C-alpha atoms as a PDB file:
ATOM      1  CA  UNK A   1     -68.440 250.412  82.067  1.00  0.00           C
ATOM      2  CA  UNK A   2     -70.226 253.162  83.904  1.00  0.00           C
ATOM      3  CA  UNK A   3     -71.598 252.313  87.289  1.00  0.00           C
ATOM      4  CA  UNK A   4     -74.266 253.932  89.438  1.00  0.00           C
ATOM      5  CA  UNK A   5     -73.518 256.637  91.959  1.00  0.00           C
ATOM      6  CA  UNK A   6     -73.289 254.758  95.271  1.00  0.00           C
ATOM      7  CA  UNK A   7     -74.781 256.426  98.333  1.00  0.00           C
ATOM      8  CA  UNK A   8     -73.880 254.874 101.680  1.00  0.00           C
ATOM      9  CA  UNK A   9     -76.749 254.964 104.183  1.00  0.00           C
ATOM     10  CA  UNK A  10     -76.001 254.662 107.894  1.00  0.00           C
ATOM     11  CA  UNK A  11     -77.135 255.813 111.304  1.00  0.00           C
ATOM     12  CA  UNK A  12     -76.968 254.708 114.905  1.00  0.00           C
ATOM     13  CA  UNK A  13     -79.590 252.457 116.481  1.00  0.00           C
ATOM     14  CA  UNK A  14     -83.056 254.017 116.726  1.00  0.00           C
ATOM     15  CA  UNK A  15     -82.311 256.883 114.349  1.00  0.00           C
ATOM     16  CA  UNK A  16     -84.841 255.848 111.686  1.00  0.00           C
ATOM     17  CA  UNK A  17     -82.446 254.414 109.105  1.00  0.00           C
ATOM     18  CA  UNK A  18     -84.806 251.587 108.089  1.00  0.00           C
ATOM     19  CA  UNK A  19     -87.660 254.056 107.623  1.00  0.00           C
ATOM     20  CA  UNK A  20     -85.483 256.261 105.404  1.00  0.00           C
ATOM     21  CA  UNK A  21     -84.329 253.191 103.432  1.00  0.00           C
ATOM     22  CA  UNK A  22     -87.979 252.356 102.701  1.00  0.00           C
ATOM     23  CA  UNK A  23     -88.614 255.930 101.577  1.00  0.00           C
ATOM     24  CA  UNK A  24     -85.594 255.746  99.256  1.00  0.00           C
ATOM     25  CA  UNK A  25     -86.867 252.481  97.726  1.00  0.00           C
ATOM     26  CA  UNK A  26     -90.265 254.118  97.225  1.00  0.00           C
ATOM     27  CA  UNK A  27     -88.439 256.636  94.989  1.00  0.00           C
ATOM     28  CA  UNK A  28     -87.315 253.768  92.754  1.00  0.00           C
ATOM     29  CA  UNK A  29     -83.751 253.586  94.062  1.00  0.00           C
ATOM     30  CA  UNK A  30     -82.374 250.053  94.628  1.00  0.00           C
ATOM     31  CA  UNK A  31     -81.123 249.532  98.199  1.00  0.00           C
ATOM     32  CA  UNK A  32     -78.612 246.861  99.231  1.00  0.00           C
ATOM     33  CA  UNK A  33     -79.455 245.979 102.829  1.00  0.00           C
ATOM     34  CA  UNK A  34     -76.291 244.606 104.467  1.00  0.00           C
ATOM     35  CA  UNK A  35     -78.158 243.384 107.555  1.00  0.00           C
ATOM     36  CA  UNK A  36     -80.697 241.505 105.430  1.00  0.00           C
ATOM     37  CA  UNK A  37     -77.818 239.929 103.467  1.00  0.00           C
ATOM     38  CA  UNK A  38     -76.232 238.700 106.711  1.00  0.00           C
ATOM     39  CA  UNK A  39     -79.577 237.267 107.858  1.00  0.00           C
ATOM     40  CA  UNK A  40     -79.933 235.379 104.547  1.00  0.00           C
ATOM     41  CA  UNK A  41     -76.395 233.993 104.789  1.00  0.00           C
ATOM     42  CA  UNK A  42     -76.960 232.897 108.392  1.00  0.00           C
ATOM     43  CA  UNK A  43     -80.631 231.867 108.154  1.00  0.00           C
ATOM     44  CA  UNK A  44     -82.119 228.415 107.465  1.00  0.00           C
ATOM     45  CA  UNK A  45     -80.023 226.789 104.727  1.00  0.00           C
ATOM     46  CA  UNK A  46     -77.732 229.850 104.662  1.00  0.00           C
ATOM     47  CA  UNK A  47     -74.480 229.591 102.713  1.00  0.00           C
ATOM     48  CA  UNK A  48     -72.313 230.411 105.748  1.00  0.00           C
ATOM     49  CA  UNK A  49     -73.750 227.872 108.189  1.00  0.00           C
ATOM     50  CA  UNK A  50     -71.067 225.176 107.602  1.00  0.00           C
ATOM     51  CA  UNK A  51     -68.204 227.670 108.089  1.00  0.00           C
ATOM     52  CA  UNK A  52     -69.777 229.228 111.177  1.00  0.00           C
ATOM     53  CA  UNK A  53     -70.503 225.806 112.711  1.00  0.00           C
ATOM     54  CA  UNK A  54     -66.907 224.725 112.056  1.00  0.00           C
ATOM     55  CA  UNK A  55     -65.518 227.859 113.714  1.00  0.00           C
ATOM     56  CA  UNK A  56     -68.097 228.009 116.532  1.00  0.00           C
ATOM     57  CA  UNK A  57     -69.444 224.477 117.208  1.00  0.00           C
ATOM     58  CA  UNK A  58     -72.996 224.294 118.506  1.00  0.00           C
ATOM     59  CA  UNK A  59     -74.095 227.718 117.229  1.00  0.00           C
ATOM     60  CA  UNK A  60     -76.162 226.620 114.216  1.00  0.00           C
ATOM     61  CA  UNK A  61     -79.145 224.359 113.589  1.00  0.00           C
ATOM     62  CA  UNK A  62     -82.123 223.834 111.261  1.00  0.00           C
ATOM     63  CA  UNK A  63     -83.249 227.420 111.918  1.00  0.00           C
ATOM     64  CA  UNK A  64     -79.832 228.787 110.935  1.00  0.00           C
ATOM     65  CA  UNK A  65     -77.517 230.562 113.337  1.00  0.00           C
ATOM     66  CA  UNK A  66     -78.568 230.569 116.983  1.00  0.00           C
ATOM     67  CA  UNK A  67     -77.878 234.259 117.482  1.00  0.00           C
ATOM     68  CA  UNK A  68     -77.877 234.022 121.278  1.00  0.00           C
ATOM     69  CA  UNK A  69     -75.385 231.128 121.278  1.00  0.00           C
ATOM     70  CA  UNK A  70     -73.138 232.786 118.687  1.00  0.00           C
ATOM     71  CA  UNK A  71     -73.387 236.137 120.484  1.00  0.00           C
ATOM     72  CA  UNK A  72     -72.298 234.476 123.727  1.00  0.00           C
ATOM     73  CA  UNK A  73     -69.174 233.130 121.990  1.00  0.00           C
ATOM     74  CA  UNK A  74     -68.089 236.362 120.306  1.00  0.00           C
ATOM     75  CA  UNK A  75     -69.336 239.094 122.650  1.00  0.00           C
ATOM     76  CA  UNK A  76     -66.416 240.644 124.506  1.00  0.00           C
ATOM     77  CA  UNK A  77     -63.896 238.431 122.641  1.00  0.00           C
ATOM     78  CA  UNK A  78     -62.189 240.497 119.916  1.00  0.00           C
ATOM     79  CA  UNK A  79     -60.407 237.453 118.434  1.00  0.00           C
ATOM     80  CA  UNK A  80     -63.639 235.467 118.134  1.00  0.00           C
ATOM     81  CA  UNK A  81     -65.439 238.463 116.643  1.00  0.00           C
ATOM     82  CA  UNK A  82     -62.618 238.955 114.112  1.00  0.00           C
ATOM     83  CA  UNK A  83     -62.900 235.248 113.191  1.00  0.00           C
ATOM     84  CA  UNK A  84     -66.643 235.593 112.619  1.00  0.00           C
ATOM     85  CA  UNK A  85     -66.188 238.784 110.581  1.00  0.00           C
ATOM     86  CA  UNK A  86     -63.554 237.064 108.402  1.00  0.00           C
ATOM     87  CA  UNK A  87     -66.292 234.559 107.449  1.00  0.00           C
ATOM     88  CA  UNK A  88     -69.185 237.011 107.055  1.00  0.00           C
ATOM     89  CA  UNK A  89     -67.648 240.143 105.498  1.00  0.00           C
ATOM     90  CA  UNK A  90     -66.232 238.576 102.287  1.00  0.00           C
ATOM     91  CA  UNK A  91     -69.575 236.849 101.641  1.00  0.00           C
ATOM     92  CA  UNK A  92     -71.484 240.118 102.098  1.00  0.00           C
ATOM     93  CA  UNK A  93     -68.980 241.882  99.805  1.00  0.00           C
ATOM     94  CA  UNK A  94     -69.691 239.276  97.097  1.00  0.00           C
ATOM     95  CA  UNK A  95     -73.431 239.877  97.384  1.00  0.00           C
ATOM     96  CA  UNK A  96     -72.832 243.639  97.232  1.00  0.00           C
ATOM     97  CA  UNK A  97     -70.797 243.288  94.028  1.00  0.00           C
ATOM     98  CA  UNK A  98     -73.543 241.118  92.501  1.00  0.00           C
ATOM     99  CA  UNK A  99     -76.093 243.800  93.481  1.00  0.00           C
ATOM    100  CA  UNK A 100     -73.984 246.458  91.720  1.00  0.00           C
ATOM    101  CA  UNK A 101     -73.758 244.338  88.571  1.00  0.00           C
ATOM    102  CA  UNK A 102     -77.495 243.697  88.644  1.00  0.00           C
ATOM    103  CA  UNK A 103     -78.200 247.441  88.837  1.00  0.00           C
ATOM    104  CA  UNK A 104     -75.341 248.627  86.602  1.00  0.00           C
ATOM    105  CA  UNK A 105     -77.758 250.606  84.415  1.00  0.00           C
ATOM    106  CA  UNK A 106     -79.149 252.684  87.281  1.00  0.00           C
ATOM    107  CA  UNK A 107     -78.037 256.265  87.963  1.00  0.00           C
ATOM    108  CA  UNK A 108     -78.146 255.781  91.744  1.00  0.00           C
ATOM    109  CA  UNK A 109     -78.039 252.901  94.240  1.00  0.00           C
ATOM    110  CA  UNK A 110     -77.819 252.800  98.027  1.00  0.00           C
ATOM    111  CA  UNK A 111     -75.747 250.619 100.345  1.00  0.00           C
ATOM    112  CA  UNK A 112     -77.596 250.414 103.674  1.00  0.00           C
ATOM    113  CA  UNK A 113     -74.807 249.549 106.157  1.00  0.00           C
ATOM    114  CA  UNK A 114     -75.380 250.078 109.912  1.00  0.00           C
ATOM    115  CA  UNK A 115     -71.645 250.036 110.778  1.00  0.00           C
ATOM    116  CA  UNK A 116     -70.480 251.939 107.688  1.00  0.00           C
ATOM    117  CA  UNK A 117     -67.926 254.049 109.583  1.00  0.00           C
ATOM    118  CA  UNK A 118     -67.058 251.429 112.189  1.00  0.00           C
ATOM    119  CA  UNK A 119     -66.073 248.741 109.655  1.00  0.00           C
ATOM    120  CA  UNK A 120     -64.570 250.934 106.917  1.00  0.00           C
ATOM    121  CA  UNK A 121     -67.426 250.504 104.421  1.00  0.00           C
ATOM    122  CA  UNK A 122     -67.439 254.250 103.759  1.00  0.00           C
ATOM    123  CA  UNK A 123     -64.449 253.640 101.454  1.00  0.00           C
ATOM    124  CA  UNK A 124     -66.736 251.751  99.028  1.00  0.00           C
ATOM    125  CA  UNK A 125     -69.239 254.559  98.469  1.00  0.00           C
ATOM    126  CA  UNK A 126     -69.305 257.891  96.627  1.00  0.00           C
ATOM    127  CA  UNK A 127     -71.105 259.810  99.380  1.00  0.00           C
ATOM    128  CA  UNK A 128     -72.486 259.104 102.846  1.00  0.00           C
ATOM    129  CA  UNK A 129     -75.987 259.832 104.142  1.00  0.00           C
ATOM    130  CA  UNK A 130     -76.361 259.757 107.926  1.00  0.00           C
ATOM    131  CA  UNK A 131     -79.830 259.407 109.423  1.00  0.00           C
ATOM    132  CA  UNK A 132     -80.026 261.131 112.791  1.00  0.00           C
ATOM    133  CA  UNK A 133     -82.434 262.256 115.494  1.00  0.00           C
ATOM    134  CA  UNK A 134     -82.142 264.024 118.860  1.00  0.00           C
ATOM    135  CA  UNK A 135     -80.692 261.786 121.611  1.00  0.00           C
ATOM    136  CA  UNK A 136     -83.942 261.833 123.606  1.00  0.00           C
ATOM    137  CA  UNK A 137     -85.955 260.659 120.599  1.00  0.00           C
ATOM    138  CA  UNK A 138     -83.407 257.931 119.873  1.00  0.00           C
ATOM    139  CA  UNK A 139     -83.486 256.668 123.473  1.00  0.00           C
ATOM    140  CA  UNK A 140     -87.290 256.625 123.560  1.00  0.00           C
ATOM    141  CA  UNK A 141     -87.478 254.637 120.292  1.00  0.00           C
ATOM    142  CA  UNK A 142     -84.848 252.088 121.301  1.00  0.00           C
ATOM    143  CA  UNK A 143     -86.142 251.434 124.812  1.00  0.00           C
ATOM    144  CA  UNK A 144     -89.622 250.798 123.346  1.00  0.00           C
ATOM    145  CA  UNK A 145     -88.227 247.789 121.441  1.00  0.00           C
ATOM    146  CA  UNK A 146     -88.953 244.284 122.789  1.00  0.00           C
ATOM    147  CA  UNK A 147     -86.081 242.851 124.834  1.00  0.00           C
ATOM    148  CA  UNK A 148     -84.267 246.175 125.109  1.00  0.00           C
ATOM    149  CA  UNK A 149     -83.122 247.727 128.376  1.00  0.00           C
ATOM    150  CA  UNK A 150     -80.900 250.717 129.281  1.00  0.00           C
ATOM    151  CA  UNK A 151     -77.809 248.527 129.867  1.00  0.00           C
ATOM    152  CA  UNK A 152     -78.127 246.813 126.479  1.00  0.00           C
ATOM    153  CA  UNK A 153     -78.750 250.149 124.774  1.00  0.00           C
ATOM    154  CA  UNK A 154     -75.626 251.550 126.422  1.00  0.00           C
ATOM    155  CA  UNK A 155     -73.503 248.579 125.231  1.00  0.00           C
ATOM    156  CA  UNK A 156     -74.740 249.050 121.660  1.00  0.00           C
ATOM    157  CA  UNK A 157     -73.903 252.763 121.754  1.00  0.00           C
ATOM    158  CA  UNK A 158     -70.416 251.942 123.031  1.00  0.00           C
ATOM    159  CA  UNK A 159     -69.518 250.066 119.831  1.00  0.00           C
ATOM    160  CA  UNK A 160     -71.042 252.651 117.485  1.00  0.00           C
ATOM    161  CA  UNK A 161     -69.315 255.822 116.313  1.00  0.00           C
ATOM    162  CA  UNK A 162     -71.044 258.675 118.185  1.00  0.00           C
ATOM    163  CA  UNK A 163     -73.882 260.350 116.282  1.00  0.00           C
ATOM    164  CA  UNK A 164     -72.158 263.754 116.380  1.00  0.00           C
ATOM    165  CA  UNK A 165     -69.079 262.285 114.708  1.00  0.00           C
ATOM    166  CA  UNK A 166     -71.188 260.525 112.075  1.00  0.00           C
ATOM    167  CA  UNK A 167     -72.963 263.773 111.283  1.00  0.00           C
ATOM    168  CA  UNK A 168     -69.618 265.582 111.003  1.00  0.00           C
ATOM    169  CA  UNK A 169     -68.268 262.968 108.573  1.00  0.00           C
ATOM    170  CA  UNK A 170     -71.441 262.724 106.474  1.00  0.00           C
ATOM    171  CA  UNK A 171     -71.947 264.288 103.068  1.00  0.00           C
ATOM    172  CA  UNK A 172     -75.694 264.450 103.755  1.00  0.00           C
ATOM    173  CA  UNK A 173     -77.762 264.283 106.959  1.00  0.00           C
ATOM    174  CA  UNK A 174     -81.476 263.559 107.254  1.00  0.00           C
ATOM    175  CA  UNK A 175     -83.046 264.314 110.621  1.00  0.00           C
ATOM    176  CA  UNK A 176     -85.916 262.013 111.574  1.00  0.00           C
ATOM    177  CA  UNK A 177     -86.816 263.858 114.758  1.00  0.00           C
ATOM    178  CA  UNK A 178     -89.711 265.417 112.849  1.00  0.00           C
ATOM    179  CA  UNK A 179     -92.876 264.213 111.105  1.00  0.00           C
ATOM    180  CA  UNK A 180     -92.739 261.386 108.558  1.00  0.00           C
ATOM    181  CA  UNK A 181     -93.937 263.859 105.912  1.00  0.00           C
ATOM    182  CA  UNK A 182     -90.989 266.176 106.604  1.00  0.00           C
ATOM    183  CA  UNK A 183     -88.555 263.258 106.519  1.00  0.00           C
ATOM    184  CA  UNK A 184     -90.072 262.007 103.236  1.00  0.00           C
ATOM    185  CA  UNK A 185     -89.758 265.486 101.710  1.00  0.00           C
ATOM    186  CA  UNK A 186     -86.082 265.621 102.731  1.00  0.00           C
ATOM    187  CA  UNK A 187     -85.491 262.186 101.186  1.00  0.00           C
ATOM    188  CA  UNK A 188     -87.188 263.194  97.910  1.00  0.00           C
ATOM    189  CA  UNK A 189     -85.125 266.393  97.741  1.00  0.00           C
ATOM    190  CA  UNK A 190     -81.853 264.532  98.331  1.00  0.00           C
ATOM    191  CA  UNK A 191     -82.629 261.827  95.745  1.00  0.00           C
ATOM    192  CA  UNK A 192     -83.526 264.490  93.165  1.00  0.00           C
ATOM    193  CA  UNK A 193     -80.287 266.410  93.773  1.00  0.00           C
ATOM    194  CA  UNK A 194     -78.192 263.236  93.508  1.00  0.00           C
ATOM    195  CA  UNK A 195     -79.944 262.186  90.298  1.00  0.00           C
ATOM    196  CA  UNK A 196     -79.505 265.667  88.824  1.00  0.00           C
ATOM    197  CA  UNK A 197     -75.789 265.410  89.612  1.00  0.00           C
ATOM    198  CA  UNK A 198     -75.563 261.992  87.938  1.00  0.00           C
ATOM    199  CA  UNK A 199     -77.038 263.246  84.649  1.00  0.00           C
END
């Protein structure tokens, strides 16, 4: 059975990855959003709630996972984080496989995975697209978010592969430190070239 060309989409916090993902979907390309999958699995009535509650008592309720409570239990504890990932990652992988089956007839699909390099997801894709922007633009965007401060931003950056390294390892880079029109044009050009290759 032929399968679609799989493009991995990633980028550090504040780089515009979600915006680019929306632009890709607007071109008719199905996008598997790993973060959204995790939110579904951990949200109200989510499939993973019983396992997470068993491993981390007191971290779930009617609204799903209490992210603050769960974060407090796993942050800075590699063993606890590994335990959580051993629950979440296989479930996300199942959803990703179902997504591939659902879109088996497409020429191109995208896996939107924030920690694509950090967690080894790049091994499951045919090419990697990194969304990037100048450091000053990134900082400005992130610090404008509710509940964000320089210390939190710094901690997030510490666990992410540096942008320069991501760019070096990428097959394609889209810079969002420009106008939305320029970014959209770059997205359209990339999608066209990937579709032409798939024909």
